[in-house]
Amino acid sequence: MVNNMDVIEFAKSLGKAIQKDERYLRFVSARAAADTDAELQELIGEFNLKRINAQNEARKENADPEKIKSYDEELKQLYNKVMENENMQEFDNAQREFGEMMRAINTIIDLSSKGIDPDTITVRQ
């Protein structure tokens, strides 16, 4: 029988293993690169400001459909510029892979807590 402290220690061991996993390390590295990419951060800031302006226009009682359409086009162009950035592409891919790993881990934990034998659980990674 496993006591409460053993389960917590197992969880801590899992946390340490996650932090050593290549998908986690890639995610952390990609996030840092994206965060320090001045051009990318400027594009993201411009995108966010434009999105706020678009939302404000859309909320107006007498919203101008042409302005909204213009904002939508500008947002699409800015989004494409953001996603064309190498650091953003790497971050997006790394985040997706790390997220898949975490979903797999959480699925195993969740199903195990519902009585399913962990050895019979198959997850996509």
C-alpha atoms as a PDB file:
ATOM      1  CA  MET A   1       0.000   0.000   0.000  1.00  0.00           C
ATOM      2  CA  VAL A   2       1.234   3.477  -0.904  1.00  0.00           C
ATOM      3  CA  ASN A   3       0.821   6.258   1.639  1.00  0.00           C
ATOM      4  CA  ASN A   4       0.008   9.907   0.982  1.00  0.00           C
ATOM      5  CA  MET A   5       3.626  11.035   1.089  1.00  0.00           C
ATOM      6  CA  ASP A   6       4.669   8.403  -1.450  1.00  0.00           C
ATOM      7  CA  VAL A   7       2.089   9.689  -3.930  1.00  0.00           C
ATOM      8  CA  ILE A   8       3.301  13.265  -3.435  1.00  0.00           C
ATOM      9  CA  GLU A   9       6.916  12.147  -3.907  1.00  0.00           C
ATOM     10  CA  PHE A  10       5.904  10.308  -7.094  1.00  0.00           C
ATOM     11  CA  ALA A  11       4.253  13.511  -8.329  1.00  0.00           C
ATOM     12  CA  LYS A  12       7.408  15.485  -7.569  1.00  0.00           C
ATOM     13  CA  SER A  13       9.464  12.889  -9.442  1.00  0.00           C
ATOM     14  CA  LEU A  14       7.099  13.222 -12.394  1.00  0.00           C
ATOM     15  CA  GLY A  15       7.514  17.001 -12.255  1.00  0.00           C
ATOM     16  CA  LYS A  16      11.299  16.627 -12.329  1.00  0.00           C
ATOM     17  CA  ALA A  17      11.065  14.217 -15.266  1.00  0.00           C
ATOM     18  CA  ILE A  18       8.838  16.665 -17.156  1.00  0.00           C
ATOM     19  CA  GLN A  19      11.410  19.432 -16.617  1.00  0.00           C
ATOM     20  CA  LYS A  20      14.125  17.208 -18.109  1.00  0.00           C
ATOM     21  CA  ASP A  21      12.054  16.131 -21.099  1.00  0.00           C
ATOM     22  CA  GLU A  22      13.240  17.482 -24.473  1.00  0.00           C
ATOM     23  CA  ARG A  23       9.733  18.791 -25.272  1.00  0.00           C
ATOM     24  CA  TYR A  24       9.705  20.887 -22.098  1.00  0.00           C
ATOM     25  CA  LEU A  25      13.244  22.152 -22.701  1.00  0.00           C
ATOM     26  CA  ARG A  26      12.394  23.058 -26.293  1.00  0.00           C
ATOM     27  CA  PHE A  27       9.243  24.865 -25.128  1.00  0.00           C
ATOM     28  CA  VAL A  28      11.146  26.905 -22.517  1.00  0.00           C
ATOM     29  CA  SER A  29      13.876  27.789 -24.996  1.00  0.00           C
ATOM     30  CA  ALA A  30      11.392  28.762 -27.722  1.00  0.00           C
ATOM     31  CA  ARG A  31       9.379  30.875 -25.301  1.00  0.00           C
ATOM     32  CA  ALA A  32      12.505  32.751 -24.220  1.00  0.00           C
ATOM     33  CA  ALA A  33      13.521  33.351 -27.836  1.00  0.00           C
ATOM     34  CA  ALA A  34      10.055  34.651 -28.720  1.00  0.00           C
ATOM     35  CA  ASP A  35       9.928  36.840 -25.604  1.00  0.00           C
ATOM     36  CA  THR A  36      13.252  38.482 -26.450  1.00  0.00           C
ATOM     37  CA  ASP A  37      12.576  38.945 -30.173  1.00  0.00           C
ATOM     38  CA  ALA A  38      11.963  42.711 -30.337  1.00  0.00           C
ATOM     39  CA  GLU A  39      10.468  42.611 -33.836  1.00  0.00           C
ATOM     40  CA  LEU A  40       8.062  39.835 -32.851  1.00  0.00           C
ATOM     41  CA  GLN A  41       7.042  41.602 -29.653  1.00  0.00           C
ATOM     42  CA  GLU A  42       6.389  44.791 -31.590  1.00  0.00           C
ATOM     43  CA  LEU A  43       4.170  42.904 -34.047  1.00  0.00           C
ATOM     44  CA  ILE A  44       2.284  41.231 -31.203  1.00  0.00           C
ATOM     45  CA  GLY A  45       1.788  44.596 -29.504  1.00  0.00           C
ATOM     46  CA  GLU A  46       0.522  46.117 -32.734  1.00  0.00           C
ATOM     47  CA  PHE A  47      -1.819  43.157 -33.243  1.00  0.00           C
ATOM     48  CA  ASN A  48      -3.216  43.457 -29.711  1.00  0.00           C
ATOM     49  CA  LEU A  49      -3.774  47.193 -30.055  1.00  0.00           C
ATOM     50  CA  LYS A  50      -5.521  46.722 -33.394  1.00  0.00           C
ATOM     51  CA  ARG A  51      -7.692  43.964 -31.888  1.00  0.00           C
ATOM     52  CA  ILE A  52      -8.750  46.274 -29.047  1.00  0.00           C
ATOM     53  CA  ASN A  53      -9.617  48.989 -31.545  1.00  0.00           C
ATOM     54  CA  ALA A  54     -11.652  46.505 -33.589  1.00  0.00           C
ATOM     55  CA  GLN A  55     -13.505  45.293 -30.495  1.00  0.00           C
ATOM     56  CA  ASN A  56     -14.234  48.858 -29.420  1.00  0.00           C
ATOM     57  CA  GLU A  57     -15.610  49.709 -32.847  1.00  0.00           C
ATOM     58  CA  ALA A  58     -17.757  46.567 -32.935  1.00  0.00           C
ATOM     59  CA  ARG A  59     -19.255  47.433 -29.524  1.00  0.00           C
ATOM     60  CA  LYS A  60     -20.386  50.857 -30.632  1.00  0.00           C
ATOM     61  CA  GLU A  61     -24.083  51.340 -31.062  1.00  0.00           C
ATOM     62  CA  ASN A  62     -23.469  52.862 -34.480  1.00  0.00           C
ATOM     63  CA  ALA A  63     -20.505  50.691 -35.471  1.00  0.00           C
ATOM     64  CA  ASP A  64     -19.083  51.397 -38.907  1.00  0.00           C
ATOM     65  CA  PRO A  65     -19.083  48.132 -40.916  1.00  0.00           C
ATOM     66  CA  GLU A  66     -16.346  49.462 -43.203  1.00  0.00           C
ATOM     67  CA  LYS A  67     -14.098  50.254 -40.238  1.00  0.00           C
ATOM     68  CA  ILE A  68     -14.713  46.797 -38.813  1.00  0.00           C
ATOM     69  CA  LYS A  69     -13.903  45.203 -42.166  1.00  0.00           C
ATOM     70  CA  SER A  70     -10.733  47.292 -42.389  1.00  0.00           C
ATOM     71  CA  TYR A  71      -9.681  46.260 -38.880  1.00  0.00           C
ATOM     72  CA  ASP A  72     -10.335  42.603 -39.748  1.00  0.00           C
ATOM     73  CA  GLU A  73      -8.098  42.838 -42.808  1.00  0.00           C
ATOM     74  CA  GLU A  74      -5.348  44.565 -40.834  1.00  0.00           C
ATOM     75  CA  LEU A  75      -5.623  41.937 -38.097  1.00  0.00           C
ATOM     76  CA  LYS A  76      -5.291  39.117 -40.629  1.00  0.00           C
ATOM     77  CA  GLN A  77      -2.203  40.743 -42.130  1.00  0.00           C
ATOM     78  CA  LEU A  78      -0.620  41.314 -38.722  1.00  0.00           C
ATOM     79  CA  TYR A  79      -1.448  37.772 -37.617  1.00  0.00           C
ATOM     80  CA  ASN A  80       0.244  36.400 -40.734  1.00  0.00           C
ATOM     81  CA  LYS A  81       3.332  38.538 -40.052  1.00  0.00           C
ATOM     82  CA  VAL A  82       3.450  37.276 -36.466  1.00  0.00           C
ATOM     83  CA  MET A  83       3.127  33.671 -37.598  1.00  0.00           C
ATOM     84  CA  GLU A  84       5.799  34.091 -40.300  1.00  0.00           C
ATOM     85  CA  ASN A  85       8.371  34.963 -37.639  1.00  0.00           C
ATOM     86  CA  GLU A  86      10.807  32.060 -37.096  1.00  0.00           C
ATOM     87  CA  ASN A  87      10.772  32.431 -33.322  1.00  0.00           C
ATOM     88  CA  MET A  88       6.978  32.422 -33.278  1.00  0.00           C
ATOM     89  CA  GLN A  89       6.860  29.325 -35.484  1.00  0.00           C
ATOM     90  CA  GLU A  90       9.295  27.515 -33.209  1.00  0.00           C
ATOM     91  CA  PHE A  91       7.373  28.607 -30.122  1.00  0.00           C
ATOM     92  CA  ASP A  92       4.061  27.520 -31.647  1.00  0.00           C
ATOM     93  CA  ASN A  93       5.431  24.082 -32.571  1.00  0.00           C
ATOM     94  CA  ALA A  94       7.191  23.588 -29.240  1.00  0.00           C
ATOM     95  CA  GLN A  95       4.105  24.678 -27.305  1.00  0.00           C
ATOM     96  CA  ARG A  96       1.925  22.255 -29.278  1.00  0.00           C
ATOM     97  CA  GLU A  97       4.272  19.301 -28.665  1.00  0.00           C
ATOM     98  CA  PHE A  98       4.628  20.109 -24.973  1.00  0.00           C
ATOM     99  CA  GLY A  99       0.858  20.513 -24.663  1.00  0.00           C
ATOM    100  CA  GLU A 100       0.304  17.106 -26.268  1.00  0.00           C
ATOM    101  CA  MET A 101       2.670  15.523 -23.765  1.00  0.00           C
ATOM    102  CA  MET A 102       0.920  17.215 -20.848  1.00  0.00           C
ATOM    103  CA  ARG A 103      -2.521  16.154 -22.129  1.00  0.00           C
ATOM    104  CA  ALA A 104      -1.262  12.563 -22.351  1.00  0.00           C
ATOM    105  CA  ILE A 105       0.071  12.713 -18.789  1.00  0.00           C
ATOM    106  CA  ASN A 106      -3.140  14.277 -17.485  1.00  0.00           C
ATOM    107  CA  THR A 107      -5.241  11.681 -19.303  1.00  0.00           C
ATOM    108  CA  ILE A 108      -3.299   8.861 -17.675  1.00  0.00           C
ATOM    109  CA  ILE A 109      -3.637  10.434 -14.228  1.00  0.00           C
ATOM    110  CA  ASP A 110      -7.339  11.203 -14.717  1.00  0.00           C
ATOM    111  CA  LEU A 111      -8.271   7.747 -16.005  1.00  0.00           C
ATOM    112  CA  SER A 112      -6.148   6.056 -13.333  1.00  0.00           C
ATOM    113  CA  SER A 113      -8.001   8.033 -10.655  1.00  0.00           C
ATOM    114  CA  LYS A 114     -11.237   6.597 -12.093  1.00  0.00           C
ATOM    115  CA  GLY A 115     -10.011   3.045 -11.589  1.00  0.00           C
ATOM    116  CA  ILE A 116      -8.673   2.244 -15.033  1.00  0.00           C
ATOM    117  CA  ASP A 117      -5.457   0.216 -15.083  1.00  0.00           C
ATOM    118  CA  PRO A 118      -2.708   2.670 -16.158  1.00  0.00           C
ATOM    119  CA  ASP A 119      -0.991  -0.072 -18.162  1.00  0.00           C
ATOM    120  CA  THR A 120      -4.049  -0.376 -20.403  1.00  0.00           C
ATOM    121  CA  ILE A 121      -4.309   3.341 -21.150  1.00  0.00           C
ATOM    122  CA  THR A 122      -3.041   4.334 -24.558  1.00  0.00           C
ATOM    123  CA  VAL A 123      -2.463   8.003 -25.320  1.00  0.00           C
ATOM    124  CA  ARG A 124      -1.289   9.861 -28.353  1.00  0.00           C
ATOM    125  CA  GLN A 125       1.966  11.752 -27.971  1.00  0.00           C
END
